[in-house]
N, C-alpha and C. Protein backbone atom coordinates (compact mmCIF):
# COMPACT_ATOMS: atom_id res chain seq x y z
N MET A 1 7.04 -4.11 -7.90
CA MET A 1 5.73 -4.75 -7.21
C MET A 1 6.54 -5.36 -5.90
N THR A 2 5.64 -5.49 -4.82
CA THR A 2 6.20 -6.28 -3.65
C THR A 2 5.52 -7.54 -3.59
N THR A 3 6.07 -8.48 -2.84
CA THR A 3 5.77 -9.90 -2.67
C THR A 3 5.47 -10.17 -0.99
N LYS A 4 4.85 -11.24 -0.92
CA LYS A 4 4.79 -11.68 0.43
C LYS A 4 6.05 -11.64 1.26
N ALA A 5 7.13 -11.91 0.58
CA ALA A 5 8.57 -12.13 1.06
C ALA A 5 8.93 -10.62 1.50
N ASP A 6 8.45 -9.64 1.07
CA ASP A 6 8.78 -8.35 1.44
C ASP A 6 8.27 -7.77 2.89
N TYR A 7 7.28 -8.49 3.47
CA TYR A 7 6.95 -8.48 4.74
C TYR A 7 7.21 -9.64 5.86
N THR A 8 7.20 -9.14 7.09
CA THR A 8 7.39 -10.13 8.13
C THR A 8 6.11 -10.92 8.16
N ASN A 9 6.10 -12.07 8.76
CA ASN A 9 4.67 -12.78 9.04
C ASN A 9 3.86 -11.97 9.91
N SER A 10 4.15 -10.97 10.64
CA SER A 10 3.17 -10.43 11.58
C SER A 10 2.59 -9.15 10.72
N GLU A 11 3.31 -8.71 9.86
CA GLU A 11 2.84 -7.43 8.82
C GLU A 11 2.05 -8.25 7.81
N TRP A 12 2.45 -9.43 7.26
CA TRP A 12 1.31 -10.22 6.50
C TRP A 12 0.28 -10.47 7.00
N GLN A 13 0.11 -11.05 8.30
CA GLN A 13 -1.25 -11.53 8.90
C GLN A 13 -2.07 -10.06 9.10
N LEU A 14 -1.59 -8.83 9.37
CA LEU A 14 -2.29 -7.76 9.62
C LEU A 14 -3.00 -7.35 8.45
N LEU A 15 -2.14 -7.57 7.42
CA LEU A 15 -2.54 -6.98 5.97
C LEU A 15 -3.92 -7.98 5.58
N LEU A 16 -3.68 -9.11 5.93
CA LEU A 16 -4.88 -10.05 5.78
C LEU A 16 -6.03 -9.85 6.61
N GLN A 17 -5.64 -9.61 7.81
CA GLN A 17 -6.60 -9.60 9.06
C GLN A 17 -7.61 -8.31 8.58
N ALA A 18 -6.79 -7.08 8.11
CA ALA A 18 -7.65 -6.13 7.76
C ALA A 18 -8.65 -6.16 6.91
N ILE A 19 -8.56 -7.13 5.79
CA ILE A 19 -9.56 -7.53 4.86
C ILE A 19 -10.89 -8.15 5.38
N THR A 20 -10.38 -8.72 6.45
CA THR A 20 -11.82 -9.51 6.98
C THR A 20 -12.39 -8.68 7.95
N LEU A 21 -11.57 -7.95 8.69
CA LEU A 21 -11.92 -7.08 9.64
C LEU A 21 -13.08 -5.88 9.12
N VAL A 22 -12.67 -5.45 7.80
CA VAL A 22 -13.47 -4.56 7.32
C VAL A 22 -14.98 -5.18 6.94
N SER A 23 -14.99 -6.22 6.72
CA SER A 23 -16.25 -6.80 6.52
C SER A 23 -16.98 -7.19 8.00
N MET A 24 -16.24 -7.73 8.77
CA MET A 24 -16.66 -7.96 10.13
C MET A 24 -17.30 -6.82 10.94
N ILE A 25 -16.60 -5.67 10.66
CA ILE A 25 -17.44 -4.43 11.26
C ILE A 25 -18.72 -4.17 10.78
N ILE A 26 -18.79 -4.30 9.55
CA ILE A 26 -20.00 -3.90 9.03
C ILE A 26 -21.05 -5.05 9.47
N ILE A 27 -20.65 -6.42 9.62
CA ILE A 27 -21.52 -7.31 9.88
C ILE A 27 -21.84 -7.34 11.35
N ALA A 28 -20.88 -6.98 12.12
CA ALA A 28 -21.24 -6.73 13.55
C ALA A 28 -22.14 -5.49 13.87
N SER A 29 -22.26 -4.52 13.09
CA SER A 29 -22.77 -3.33 13.50
C SER A 29 -24.52 -3.53 13.08
N GLU A 30 -24.73 -4.39 12.11
CA GLU A 30 -25.94 -4.57 11.85
C GLU A 30 -26.44 -5.95 11.68
N PHE A 31 -26.16 -6.92 12.88
CA PHE A 31 -26.35 -8.28 12.76
C PHE A 31 -27.33 -8.77 13.02
N THR A 32 -27.89 -9.84 11.80
CA THR A 32 -28.99 -10.40 11.86
C THR A 32 -28.61 -11.75 11.00
N LEU A 33 -29.16 -12.79 11.30
CA LEU A 33 -28.75 -13.98 10.53
C LEU A 33 -28.73 -13.90 9.12
N PHE A 34 -29.96 -13.51 8.55
CA PHE A 34 -29.99 -13.08 7.02
C PHE A 34 -28.96 -12.14 6.61
N SER A 35 -28.79 -11.04 7.29
CA SER A 35 -27.90 -10.05 6.96
C SER A 35 -26.30 -10.71 6.83
N ALA A 36 -26.00 -11.35 7.83
CA ALA A 36 -24.79 -11.98 7.94
C ALA A 36 -24.59 -12.81 6.70
N VAL A 37 -25.41 -13.58 6.30
CA VAL A 37 -25.37 -14.55 5.18
C VAL A 37 -25.23 -13.80 3.89
N LYS A 38 -26.08 -12.67 3.76
CA LYS A 38 -25.85 -11.98 2.48
C LYS A 38 -24.44 -11.06 2.51
N GLU A 39 -24.08 -10.70 3.70
CA GLU A 39 -22.68 -10.12 3.78
C GLU A 39 -21.59 -11.08 3.45
N VAL A 40 -21.85 -12.25 3.72
CA VAL A 40 -20.54 -13.18 3.49
C VAL A 40 -20.62 -13.50 1.90
N PHE A 41 -21.83 -13.62 1.31
CA PHE A 41 -21.77 -13.78 -0.09
C PHE A 41 -21.13 -12.58 -0.85
N THR A 42 -21.47 -11.25 -0.23
CA THR A 42 -20.98 -10.19 -0.83
C THR A 42 -19.55 -10.05 -0.78
N PHE A 43 -18.98 -10.37 0.63
CA PHE A 43 -17.41 -10.43 0.77
C PHE A 43 -16.95 -11.29 -0.06
N ASN A 44 -17.23 -12.59 -0.34
CA ASN A 44 -16.69 -13.54 -1.34
C ASN A 44 -16.87 -12.97 -2.90
N LYS A 45 -18.05 -12.23 -3.32
CA LYS A 45 -18.10 -11.69 -4.55
C LYS A 45 -17.07 -10.53 -4.81
N GLU A 46 -16.71 -9.82 -3.68
CA GLU A 46 -15.70 -8.48 -3.66
C GLU A 46 -14.33 -9.22 -3.82
N VAL A 47 -14.23 -10.22 -3.27
CA VAL A 47 -12.73 -10.79 -3.19
C VAL A 47 -12.72 -11.59 -4.92
N LYS A 48 -13.65 -12.16 -5.29
CA LYS A 48 -13.66 -12.68 -6.67
C LYS A 48 -13.51 -11.22 -7.70
N HIS A 49 -14.01 -10.14 -7.56
CA HIS A 49 -13.90 -9.03 -8.31
C HIS A 49 -12.52 -8.53 -8.15
N ALA A 50 -11.84 -8.62 -7.02
CA ALA A 50 -10.64 -7.93 -6.70
C ALA A 50 -9.61 -8.74 -7.50
N LYS A 51 -9.71 -10.13 -7.77
CA LYS A 51 -8.93 -10.90 -8.68
C LYS A 51 -8.60 -10.42 -10.14
N LEU A 52 -10.10 -9.86 -10.44
CA LEU A 52 -10.00 -9.39 -12.07
C LEU A 52 -9.58 -7.99 -11.87
N ASN A 53 -9.88 -7.02 -10.90
CA ASN A 53 -10.08 -5.72 -10.89
C ASN A 53 -8.43 -5.25 -10.55
N TYR A 54 -7.60 -6.12 -9.63
CA TYR A 54 -6.29 -5.86 -9.35
C TYR A 54 -5.38 -6.95 -9.85
N GLN A 55 -5.37 -7.53 -11.16
CA GLN A 55 -4.62 -8.26 -11.66
C GLN A 55 -3.25 -7.82 -11.72
N ASP A 56 -2.91 -6.53 -11.80
CA ASP A 56 -1.40 -6.09 -11.90
C ASP A 56 -0.83 -5.67 -10.53
N ASN A 57 -1.78 -6.01 -9.34
CA ASN A 57 -1.33 -5.65 -8.07
C ASN A 57 -0.88 -6.82 -7.31
N GLN A 58 0.36 -7.15 -7.26
CA GLN A 58 0.94 -8.33 -6.80
C GLN A 58 0.56 -8.36 -5.07
N LEU A 59 0.55 -7.24 -4.57
CA LEU A 59 0.38 -7.30 -3.08
C LEU A 59 -1.25 -7.80 -2.78
N ILE A 60 -2.30 -7.32 -3.57
CA ILE A 60 -3.64 -7.81 -3.45
C ILE A 60 -3.89 -9.30 -3.96
N GLN A 61 -3.17 -9.56 -5.23
CA GLN A 61 -3.16 -11.02 -5.60
C GLN A 61 -2.61 -12.14 -4.53
N ASN A 62 -1.53 -11.55 -3.97
CA ASN A 62 -0.74 -12.77 -2.87
C ASN A 62 -1.72 -12.61 -1.68
N LEU A 63 -2.41 -11.72 -1.23
CA LEU A 63 -3.05 -11.71 -0.32
C LEU A 63 -4.61 -12.54 -0.59
N LEU A 64 -5.04 -12.49 -1.69
CA LEU A 64 -6.26 -13.23 -2.10
C LEU A 64 -6.09 -14.83 -2.18
N VAL A 65 -4.53 -15.29 -2.21
CA VAL A 65 -4.38 -16.49 -2.38
C VAL A 65 -4.41 -17.08 -0.81
N ASP A 66 -3.86 -16.06 0.12
CA ASP A 66 -4.03 -16.53 1.48
C ASP A 66 -5.40 -16.58 2.05
N ILE A 67 -6.21 -15.34 1.48
CA ILE A 67 -7.47 -15.52 2.01
C ILE A 67 -8.12 -16.92 1.67
N ALA A 68 -8.29 -17.24 0.55
CA ALA A 68 -8.74 -18.55 -0.20
C ALA A 68 -8.42 -19.53 0.53
N GLU A 69 -6.97 -19.65 1.13
CA GLU A 69 -6.35 -21.03 1.99
C GLU A 69 -6.92 -20.97 3.38
N LYS A 70 -7.69 -19.75 3.84
CA LYS A 70 -7.98 -19.65 5.34
C LYS A 70 -9.43 -19.68 5.42
N THR A 71 -9.97 -19.94 6.69
CA THR A 71 -11.44 -19.87 6.99
C THR A 71 -11.61 -18.75 7.44
N THR A 72 -12.70 -18.02 7.43
CA THR A 72 -13.19 -16.74 8.13
C THR A 72 -13.28 -16.86 9.64
N ARG A 73 -12.23 -16.08 10.18
CA ARG A 73 -12.24 -16.28 11.54
C ARG A 73 -13.11 -15.26 12.51
N ILE A 74 -14.25 -15.65 13.03
CA ILE A 74 -15.03 -14.81 13.54
C ILE A 74 -14.79 -14.56 15.09
N ASN A 75 -13.59 -15.34 15.65
CA ASN A 75 -13.18 -15.17 16.92
C ASN A 75 -12.92 -13.66 17.23
N GLU A 76 -12.58 -12.85 16.40
CA GLU A 76 -12.39 -11.67 16.44
C GLU A 76 -13.60 -10.76 17.40
N ILE A 77 -14.68 -11.06 16.82
CA ILE A 77 -15.79 -10.49 17.37
C ILE A 77 -16.24 -11.04 18.83
N GLU A 78 -16.13 -12.54 18.82
CA GLU A 78 -16.13 -13.45 20.07
C GLU A 78 -15.33 -12.90 21.09
N ASN A 79 -14.14 -12.84 20.86
CA ASN A 79 -13.23 -12.33 22.08
C ASN A 79 -13.41 -10.98 22.37
N ALA A 80 -14.23 -9.93 21.69
CA ALA A 80 -14.35 -8.65 22.08
C ALA A 80 -15.11 -8.67 23.52
N VAL A 81 -15.16 -7.73 24.29
CA VAL A 81 -16.03 -7.47 25.42
C VAL A 81 -17.34 -6.95 24.85
N ASN A 82 -17.14 -6.15 23.98
CA ASN A 82 -18.49 -5.40 23.36
C ASN A 82 -18.01 -4.78 22.20
N PHE A 83 -19.05 -4.53 21.33
CA PHE A 83 -18.85 -3.91 20.07
C PHE A 83 -17.90 -2.79 19.83
N PRO A 84 -18.14 -1.81 20.85
CA PRO A 84 -17.16 -0.54 20.84
C PRO A 84 -15.59 -0.83 20.99
N ASP A 85 -15.67 -2.03 21.81
CA ASP A 85 -14.09 -2.49 21.84
C ASP A 85 -13.55 -3.07 20.71
N PHE A 86 -14.23 -4.04 20.08
CA PHE A 86 -14.34 -4.83 18.78
C PHE A 86 -13.90 -3.69 17.79
N LEU A 87 -14.81 -2.70 17.72
CA LEU A 87 -14.44 -1.47 16.68
C LEU A 87 -13.37 -0.93 16.90
N GLU A 88 -12.99 -0.37 18.08
CA GLU A 88 -11.94 0.40 18.14
C GLU A 88 -10.37 -0.50 17.83
N ASP A 89 -10.30 -1.85 18.27
CA ASP A 89 -9.58 -2.67 18.03
C ASP A 89 -9.26 -2.89 16.57
N ALA A 90 -10.34 -3.33 15.96
CA ALA A 90 -10.57 -3.34 14.40
C ALA A 90 -9.96 -2.25 13.49
N LEU A 91 -10.27 -0.86 14.05
CA LEU A 91 -9.99 0.28 13.16
C LEU A 91 -8.48 0.28 13.50
N GLU A 92 -8.10 0.16 14.48
CA GLU A 92 -6.37 0.38 14.87
C GLU A 92 -5.74 -0.59 14.04
N LYS A 93 -6.19 -2.05 13.69
CA LYS A 93 -5.53 -2.92 13.24
C LYS A 93 -5.74 -2.72 11.56
N ILE A 94 -6.68 -2.20 11.20
CA ILE A 94 -6.94 -1.50 9.82
C ILE A 94 -6.03 -0.61 9.40
N LYS A 95 -5.97 0.51 10.15
CA LYS A 95 -5.11 1.73 9.88
C LYS A 95 -3.53 1.04 10.01
N ALA A 96 -3.30 0.51 11.05
CA ALA A 96 -1.69 -0.25 11.08
C ALA A 96 -1.51 -1.09 9.78
N ALA A 97 -2.63 -1.79 9.20
CA ALA A 97 -2.15 -2.51 8.06
C ALA A 97 -2.13 -1.53 6.55
N VAL A 98 -2.76 -0.48 6.73
CA VAL A 98 -2.91 0.40 5.58
C VAL A 98 -1.41 1.25 5.80
N ALA A 99 -0.83 1.34 6.86
CA ALA A 99 0.54 2.09 7.33
C ALA A 99 1.50 1.24 6.74
N ILE A 100 1.33 -0.07 6.98
CA ILE A 100 2.36 -0.92 6.46
C ILE A 100 2.52 -1.00 4.98
N ALA A 101 1.34 -1.05 4.34
CA ALA A 101 1.20 -1.13 3.00
C ALA A 101 1.84 0.08 2.45
N LEU A 102 1.51 1.34 2.95
CA LEU A 102 2.07 2.52 2.57
C LEU A 102 3.63 2.60 2.64
N LEU A 103 4.10 1.89 3.70
CA LEU A 103 5.49 1.77 3.92
C LEU A 103 6.16 0.96 3.09
N LYS A 104 5.71 -0.43 2.71
CA LYS A 104 6.42 -1.34 2.06
C LYS A 104 6.03 -1.66 0.58
N ALA A 105 4.87 -1.39 0.43
CA ALA A 105 4.16 -1.60 -1.00
C ALA A 105 4.76 -0.43 -2.11
N THR A 106 4.30 -0.51 -3.36
CA THR A 106 4.60 0.53 -4.19
C THR A 106 3.39 1.46 -3.82
N PRO A 107 3.77 2.74 -4.39
CA PRO A 107 2.65 3.74 -4.01
C PRO A 107 1.28 3.11 -4.75
N LYS A 108 1.40 2.59 -5.84
CA LYS A 108 0.11 2.08 -6.60
C LYS A 108 -0.65 0.93 -5.87
N GLU A 109 0.33 0.07 -5.45
CA GLU A 109 -0.12 -1.10 -4.62
C GLU A 109 -1.03 -0.60 -3.36
N ALA A 110 -0.28 0.41 -2.70
CA ALA A 110 -0.83 0.74 -1.37
C ALA A 110 -2.04 1.57 -1.55
N GLN A 111 -2.16 2.34 -2.54
CA GLN A 111 -3.57 2.93 -2.94
C GLN A 111 -4.79 2.00 -3.23
N GLU A 112 -4.14 1.11 -4.11
CA GLU A 112 -5.19 0.09 -4.38
C GLU A 112 -5.75 -0.82 -3.25
N TYR A 113 -4.82 -1.21 -2.39
CA TYR A 113 -5.16 -2.02 -1.22
C TYR A 113 -6.08 -1.03 -0.27
N LYS A 114 -5.91 0.27 -0.36
CA LYS A 114 -6.84 1.05 0.34
C LYS A 114 -8.21 1.09 -0.27
N GLU A 115 -8.21 1.24 -1.58
CA GLU A 115 -9.37 1.04 -2.29
C GLU A 115 -10.08 -0.27 -2.12
N PHE A 116 -9.34 -1.45 -2.21
CA PHE A 116 -9.85 -2.63 -2.09
C PHE A 116 -10.60 -2.84 -0.59
N LEU A 117 -10.14 -2.26 0.24
CA LEU A 117 -10.79 -2.55 1.70
C LEU A 117 -11.95 -1.46 1.87
N TYR A 118 -11.88 -0.07 0.90
CA TYR A 118 -13.11 0.69 1.16
C TYR A 118 -14.32 0.05 -0.09
N GLU A 119 -13.88 -0.80 -0.77
CA GLU A 119 -14.93 -1.27 -1.82
C GLU A 119 -15.43 -2.34 -1.10
N ILE A 120 -14.81 -3.21 -0.35
CA ILE A 120 -15.42 -4.17 0.54
C ILE A 120 -16.21 -3.72 1.56
N ALA A 121 -16.12 -2.68 2.25
CA ALA A 121 -16.95 -2.02 3.30
C ALA A 121 -18.09 -1.40 2.70
N THR A 122 -17.90 -0.83 1.25
CA THR A 122 -18.95 -0.07 0.71
C THR A 122 -19.80 -1.10 0.20
N GLN A 123 -19.48 -2.25 -0.38
CA GLN A 123 -20.60 -3.20 -1.01
C GLN A 123 -21.29 -3.87 0.12
N ILE A 124 -20.62 -4.27 1.30
CA ILE A 124 -21.33 -4.95 2.18
C ILE A 124 -22.46 -4.04 2.88
N GLY A 125 -21.90 -2.68 3.13
CA GLY A 125 -22.86 -1.91 3.63
C GLY A 125 -23.86 -1.49 2.83
N ASP A 126 -23.84 -1.64 1.36
CA ASP A 126 -24.95 -1.36 0.53
C ASP A 126 -26.19 -2.24 0.70
N ILE A 127 -25.85 -3.47 1.15
CA ILE A 127 -26.77 -4.57 1.11
C ILE A 127 -27.62 -4.51 2.33
N LEU A 128 -27.18 -3.65 3.48
CA LEU A 128 -27.84 -3.64 4.81
C LEU A 128 -29.30 -2.96 4.57
N PRO A 129 -30.24 -3.29 5.18
CA PRO A 129 -31.37 -2.33 5.19
C PRO A 129 -31.15 -1.16 5.95
N HIS A 130 -31.74 -0.21 5.31
CA HIS A 130 -31.29 1.33 5.91
C HIS A 130 -32.58 1.83 6.47
């Protein structure tokens, strides 16, 4: 099992950031005030589910502790010149976070981290009107 101590501060921040970026990509792609509120509730629900679904995954459990201690930072979108730029930057960061997990976490933890990111995106995407 890996712990927060196995990662540099910048690696840990990237692993954390990927979790919120996944949801922010979906929110920004179909933004309405109503959908944003629903998406935030869905994100919080997925975080709670992850606490139960990944109890044996020390990486995800440690990340969830840090997520609970921080406020969601929407400045990622605000600082982007436009959505395509934000999307490109966000996807690069998510890929880098997954690469770090694959390099430093156990194979099981890394796979479950990828699944966790996917579950967040899927659950938030499912609440959007099609």
